[in-house]
Amino acid sequence: MSMRNRIAVSLPPVFLRLALGVTFVWAGMGKLAGTMQVPPEDAAILGNMGVITPVRAGSSVDRTPPSPTTPLPPSGGGGGARADGGAAITPVSQPAPGSTTPPTVLPGGTPGVGGGSFTAADFPEGKKVESSHVLAVMIWKAGHPVAKEGGTAPAPIWPAALAGGKWPVYVADAVMITELTGGAMLLLGLLARLWALSIACVMAGAIWLTAIGPALQSGDTVLGILPRHDAWDGLAWMGLLYQFALMMMAVAVMFSGAGTLALDNLVFGRKTDDDTDDE
C-alpha cells in the first residue's frame, strides 16, 4: 500500500475520534458538574421523583406555611401552657392547596416516588438542579404527554416502563456516563468501535426526543418525520443537524475502527500492510 493510501486509511478515524472525544467529554462533564434553573412545573416533576425537595420552611411536612392569623385555642384547652399564661398551640399538619388529604411523605421528608404530591406551588421560584436532571424531566414528559387545551393528549414518545418512578433519572445518568466515558475512550482509542456505537445510540435517542418524536406528536411534519421549519432557517435546523453530524461521525468510527495512534493497536495488534492489501 502506498504512503498516501496508508494515510488516507489510518488518519481520518483519528480526527473523527478527536472531535467526538472532546465534544462528549465536555457534554458529559456538563451534565455531571453543571447546573440549570428549571421552572416550577419541572421542579415539581423532579420533586415527585424524589430528586429534590422544596426549600420553604416546613414544606417537607406540611407544604403550607402556618397562617399568622390562626386563632389561638381557648385558655385551658389542652396542649400545655404558654409562657404568657395562655394555652399552647398544638401543631397541625396542613393539607396541600386544593387537596383534602395531606401529602404522603416518607421518613426524612422525601416524597414517595410515583406517589408524590408536589405541585408547582411548592417551587414558586423554580429550582437550580443538576444538568442531568433536566434530561430526566425531558424523558418524563416524553412518556407523559399533556393534552393541549380543548384537545386530547398526544401519544407518548417514550416507553412507559422507562418514564415512571425514578427511571428517567437512571436513564439520564446512563447517558451522562456514556458521554463522559465514551468520549474519553474515543480520545484514547480504546474499544473505539464499541464506544462509537454507544455514542451513536445516544445521539439517535437525542434526535428522537428533541426532533422526530415531537414532530410526529404534533402531526405537522416534513417528509413524514422531520419537524416543520422554514427550509433555510439555519437556527431552527442547527440542533438537529448538529446531532445528525455527531451520530454519523460515530457511525464512521464504528465501521473504520480507531485508526492509528490508538490503544486498540497495542491491545489487539495492528494490521500489517500485507493484511490490508489482501482485504
Protein backbone atom coordinates (compact mmCIF):
# COMPACT_ATOMS: atom_id res chain seq x y z
CA MET A 1 0.00 0.00 0.00
CA SER A 2 1.34 3.43 -0.90
CA MET A 3 2.03 6.04 1.77
CA ARG A 4 -0.84 8.18 0.51
CA ASN A 5 -3.32 5.33 0.80
CA ARG A 6 -1.97 4.35 4.18
CA ILE A 7 -2.51 7.90 5.48
CA ALA A 8 -5.98 8.03 3.92
CA VAL A 9 -6.98 4.88 5.80
CA SER A 10 -5.32 5.49 9.17
CA LEU A 11 -5.59 9.24 9.88
CA PRO A 12 -9.27 10.20 9.23
CA PRO A 13 -10.52 8.00 12.11
CA VAL A 14 -8.08 9.79 14.42
CA PHE A 15 -9.55 13.18 13.53
CA LEU A 16 -13.08 11.83 13.98
CA ARG A 17 -12.16 10.37 17.37
CA LEU A 18 -10.60 13.65 18.44
CA ALA A 19 -13.72 15.64 17.54
CA LEU A 20 -16.09 13.13 19.15
CA GLY A 21 -13.93 12.67 22.24
CA VAL A 22 -13.60 16.38 23.02
CA THR A 23 -17.30 17.01 22.34
CA PHE A 24 -18.63 14.21 24.52
CA VAL A 25 -16.18 14.61 27.39
CA TRP A 26 -17.34 18.23 27.51
CA ALA A 27 -21.02 17.20 27.26
CA GLY A 28 -20.66 14.54 29.96
CA MET A 29 -18.83 16.90 32.32
CA GLY A 30 -21.53 19.49 31.76
CA LYS A 31 -24.21 17.03 32.85
CA LEU A 32 -22.11 15.93 35.84
CA ALA A 33 -20.95 19.27 37.20
CA GLY A 34 -23.25 21.82 35.56
CA THR A 35 -26.47 23.22 36.98
CA MET A 36 -29.54 24.73 35.34
CA GLN A 37 -32.55 26.64 36.59
CA VAL A 38 -35.81 24.82 35.90
CA PRO A 39 -39.33 26.32 36.07
CA PRO A 40 -41.74 25.44 38.90
CA GLU A 41 -43.56 22.75 36.88
CA ASP A 42 -40.34 20.89 36.09
CA ALA A 43 -39.15 21.23 39.68
CA ALA A 44 -42.39 19.59 40.84
CA ILE A 45 -41.76 16.65 38.49
CA LEU A 46 -38.29 16.16 39.97
CA GLY A 47 -39.71 16.54 43.46
CA ASN A 48 -42.21 13.76 42.84
CA MET A 49 -39.37 11.56 41.59
CA GLY A 50 -37.62 12.07 44.92
CA VAL A 51 -34.76 14.08 43.42
CA ILE A 52 -35.30 17.46 45.11
CA THR A 53 -37.42 18.96 47.87
CA PRO A 54 -38.81 22.47 48.38
CA VAL A 55 -36.65 24.95 50.24
CA ARG A 56 -39.51 26.63 52.11
CA ALA A 57 -39.62 26.04 55.82
CA GLY A 58 -41.97 23.24 56.77
CA SER A 59 -42.72 22.31 53.17
CA SER A 60 -41.38 18.76 53.55
CA VAL A 61 -44.06 18.08 56.14
CA ASP A 62 -46.93 20.46 55.84
CA ARG A 63 -46.29 22.18 52.47
CA THR A 64 -48.42 25.18 53.57
CA PRO A 65 -46.76 27.83 55.76
CA PRO A 66 -48.62 28.38 59.05
CA SER A 67 -51.05 31.28 58.85
CA PRO A 68 -50.19 34.23 61.14
CA THR A 69 -53.91 34.84 61.69
CA THR A 70 -54.67 31.34 63.04
CA PRO A 71 -56.69 31.91 66.26
CA LEU A 72 -55.28 30.58 69.50
CA PRO A 73 -57.09 27.81 71.33
CA PRO A 74 -59.10 29.00 74.33
CA SER A 75 -57.27 29.10 77.62
CA GLY A 76 -57.18 25.73 79.29
CA GLY A 77 -57.96 23.99 76.01
CA GLY A 78 -55.16 21.47 76.41
CA GLY A 79 -51.77 21.22 74.80
CA GLY A 80 -49.94 22.66 77.81
CA ALA A 81 -49.44 26.22 78.93
CA ARG A 82 -47.56 29.05 77.25
CA ALA A 83 -45.15 31.37 78.96
CA ASP A 84 -47.71 34.20 78.79
CA GLY A 85 -50.34 32.12 80.59
CA GLY A 86 -52.34 31.13 77.52
CA ALA A 87 -52.78 27.68 76.06
CA ALA A 88 -50.04 26.28 73.83
CA ILE A 89 -50.79 25.83 70.14
CA THR A 90 -50.83 22.23 69.02
CA PRO A 91 -49.07 21.98 65.63
CA VAL A 92 -51.37 20.63 62.95
CA SER A 93 -50.18 19.43 59.53
CA GLN A 94 -51.84 21.47 56.81
CA PRO A 95 -53.12 19.75 53.64
CA ALA A 96 -51.84 20.67 50.21
CA PRO A 97 -53.61 23.56 48.49
CA GLY A 98 -56.69 22.23 46.74
CA SER A 99 -56.33 18.82 48.40
CA THR A 100 -58.45 17.24 51.10
CA THR A 101 -55.67 14.99 52.38
CA PRO A 102 -52.14 15.75 53.48
CA PRO A 103 -49.28 14.65 51.19
CA THR A 104 -47.70 11.27 51.64
CA VAL A 105 -44.19 11.80 52.96
CA LEU A 106 -41.55 9.19 53.62
CA PRO A 107 -39.15 9.46 56.57
CA GLY A 108 -36.83 12.39 56.06
CA GLY A 109 -39.38 14.40 54.10
CA THR A 110 -38.79 12.75 50.72
CA PRO A 111 -41.99 12.33 48.71
CA GLY A 112 -42.77 8.83 47.58
CA VAL A 113 -41.59 8.08 44.06
CA GLY A 114 -44.60 7.80 41.79
CA GLY A 115 -46.91 8.87 44.59
CA GLY A 116 -45.57 12.31 45.41
CA SER A 117 -47.91 15.25 45.58
CA PHE A 118 -45.68 18.23 44.94
CA THR A 119 -47.03 20.88 42.61
CA ALA A 120 -45.56 23.98 41.02
CA ALA A 121 -46.81 25.92 44.07
CA ASP A 122 -44.16 24.16 46.16
CA PHE A 123 -41.42 25.62 43.95
CA PRO A 124 -42.67 29.15 43.21
CA GLU A 125 -39.25 30.32 42.01
CA GLY A 126 -38.25 27.09 40.31
CA LYS A 127 -35.12 25.30 41.36
CA LYS A 128 -31.48 25.05 40.32
CA VAL A 129 -30.74 21.40 39.59
CA GLU A 130 -28.02 19.25 38.07
CA SER A 131 -27.94 19.43 34.28
CA SER A 132 -28.56 15.68 34.01
CA HIS A 133 -31.87 16.15 35.81
CA VAL A 134 -33.06 18.43 33.00
CA LEU A 135 -32.74 15.43 30.70
CA ALA A 136 -34.67 13.35 33.24
CA VAL A 137 -37.55 15.85 33.06
CA MET A 138 -37.49 15.68 29.26
CA ILE A 139 -37.72 11.88 29.40
CA TRP A 140 -40.59 12.03 31.91
CA LYS A 141 -42.52 14.46 29.69
CA ALA A 142 -41.92 12.25 26.65
CA GLY A 143 -43.64 9.41 28.45
CA HIS A 144 -46.39 11.56 29.98
CA PRO A 145 -47.58 13.98 27.29
CA VAL A 146 -50.04 16.63 28.40
CA ALA A 147 -53.18 17.41 26.43
CA LYS A 148 -53.45 20.86 24.94
CA GLU A 149 -56.39 22.99 25.98
CA GLY A 150 -59.55 21.57 24.49
CA GLY A 151 -57.80 18.57 22.97
CA THR A 152 -56.64 15.08 23.81
CA ALA A 153 -53.20 14.07 24.98
CA PRO A 154 -50.86 13.00 22.15
CA ALA A 155 -49.32 9.56 22.11
CA PRO A 156 -46.22 9.18 24.30
CA ILE A 157 -42.89 9.01 22.51
CA TRP A 158 -41.04 7.20 25.30
CA PRO A 159 -41.78 3.74 26.76
CA ALA A 160 -43.93 3.94 29.87
CA ALA A 161 -41.67 1.43 31.64
CA LEU A 162 -38.75 3.86 31.33
CA ALA A 163 -40.73 7.00 32.14
CA GLY A 164 -42.18 6.08 35.52
CA GLY A 165 -40.74 6.14 39.02
CA LYS A 166 -37.08 7.08 39.03
CA TRP A 167 -36.32 5.55 35.65
CA PRO A 168 -35.91 8.94 33.92
CA VAL A 169 -33.12 9.77 36.38
CA TYR A 170 -31.44 6.41 35.80
CA VAL A 171 -31.60 6.84 32.02
CA ALA A 172 -30.23 10.38 32.25
CA ASP A 173 -27.36 9.16 34.43
CA ALA A 174 -26.63 6.38 31.92
CA VAL A 175 -26.47 8.95 29.11
CA MET A 176 -24.10 11.10 31.18
CA ILE A 177 -21.80 8.14 31.90
CA THR A 178 -21.84 7.06 28.25
CA GLU A 179 -20.92 10.53 27.04
CA LEU A 180 -18.15 11.04 29.58
CA THR A 181 -16.64 7.55 29.43
CA GLY A 182 -17.23 7.10 25.71
CA GLY A 183 -15.63 10.45 24.91
CA ALA A 184 -12.56 9.61 26.99
CA MET A 185 -12.24 6.15 25.42
CA LEU A 186 -12.51 7.58 21.92
CA LEU A 187 -9.73 10.04 22.70
CA LEU A 188 -7.55 7.14 23.81
CA GLY A 189 -8.69 4.88 21.00
CA LEU A 190 -9.58 2.06 23.37
CA LEU A 191 -12.54 -0.16 22.36
CA ALA A 192 -13.25 2.56 19.83
CA ARG A 193 -15.85 0.65 17.83
CA LEU A 194 -17.89 -0.25 20.93
CA TRP A 195 -17.91 3.28 22.32
CA ALA A 196 -18.62 4.77 18.91
CA LEU A 197 -21.70 2.55 18.72
CA SER A 198 -22.76 3.71 22.20
CA ILE A 199 -22.34 7.36 21.25
CA ALA A 200 -24.30 6.80 18.03
CA CYS A 201 -27.17 5.30 20.07
CA VAL A 202 -27.13 8.28 22.46
CA MET A 203 -27.37 10.69 19.55
CA ALA A 204 -30.16 8.67 17.93
CA GLY A 205 -32.08 8.96 21.22
CA ALA A 206 -31.42 12.70 21.33
CA ILE A 207 -32.72 13.15 17.77
CA TRP A 208 -35.85 11.19 18.65
CA LEU A 209 -36.56 13.12 21.86
CA THR A 210 -35.89 16.60 20.54
CA ALA A 211 -36.91 16.49 16.87
CA ILE A 212 -38.53 13.45 15.29
CA GLY A 213 -40.69 12.37 18.25
CA PRO A 214 -42.19 15.83 18.93
CA ALA A 215 -42.76 16.32 15.18
CA LEU A 216 -44.72 13.06 14.98
CA GLN A 217 -46.70 14.04 18.10
CA SER A 218 -47.68 17.36 16.56
CA GLY A 219 -48.77 15.74 13.30
CA ASP A 220 -47.15 18.59 11.37
CA THR A 221 -44.06 17.14 9.69
CA VAL A 222 -41.81 17.46 6.68
CA LEU A 223 -41.10 14.26 4.74
CA GLY A 224 -43.19 12.41 7.27
CA ILE A 225 -40.73 12.55 10.19
CA LEU A 226 -38.95 15.91 10.34
CA PRO A 227 -40.20 18.97 12.24
CA ARG A 228 -41.71 21.67 10.05
CA HIS A 229 -39.25 24.57 9.93
CA ASP A 230 -38.54 27.03 7.18
CA ALA A 231 -36.24 25.27 4.72
CA TRP A 232 -33.48 27.88 5.04
CA ASP A 233 -33.84 28.77 8.73
CA GLY A 234 -30.35 27.85 9.91
CA LEU A 235 -31.04 28.40 13.61
CA ALA A 236 -34.13 26.18 13.56
CA TRP A 237 -32.31 23.29 11.90
CA MET A 238 -28.97 23.73 13.65
CA GLY A 239 -29.67 21.47 16.63
CA LEU A 240 -30.92 18.57 14.53
CA LEU A 241 -28.08 18.85 12.00
CA TYR A 242 -25.51 19.01 14.81
CA GLN A 243 -26.91 15.85 16.39
CA PHE A 244 -27.07 14.12 12.99
CA ALA A 245 -23.45 15.03 12.20
CA LEU A 246 -22.22 13.65 15.53
CA MET A 247 -24.18 10.44 15.01
CA MET A 248 -22.74 9.95 11.50
CA MET A 249 -19.21 10.61 12.79
CA ALA A 250 -19.68 7.94 15.44
CA VAL A 251 -21.03 5.51 12.84
CA ALA A 252 -17.95 6.21 10.68
CA VAL A 253 -15.61 5.32 13.56
CA MET A 254 -17.68 2.23 14.28
CA PHE A 255 -17.03 0.94 10.74
CA SER A 256 -13.50 2.24 10.21
CA GLY A 257 -12.02 1.44 13.62
CA ALA A 258 -9.72 3.60 15.71
CA GLY A 259 -7.12 4.26 13.03
CA THR A 260 -3.54 5.00 14.03
CA LEU A 261 -2.38 6.45 17.37
CA ALA A 262 -4.86 4.30 19.30
CA LEU A 263 -4.58 1.96 22.27
CA ASP A 264 -6.58 -0.60 20.30
CA ASN A 265 -3.47 -1.17 18.19
CA LEU A 266 -1.46 -2.07 21.29
CA VAL A 267 -4.16 -4.22 22.86
CA PHE A 268 -5.43 -6.06 19.79
CA GLY A 269 -2.48 -5.66 17.44
CA ARG A 270 -2.27 -3.62 14.27
CA LYS A 271 -2.87 -4.99 10.80
CA THR A 272 0.16 -5.11 8.54
CA ASP A 273 0.21 -3.63 5.07
CA ASP A 274 0.06 -7.14 3.60
CA ASP A 275 -3.15 -7.86 5.54
CA THR A 276 -4.67 -4.62 4.32
CA ASP A 277 -3.69 -5.34 0.69
CA ASP A 278 -5.27 -8.79 0.92
CA GLU A 279 -8.53 -7.26 2.06
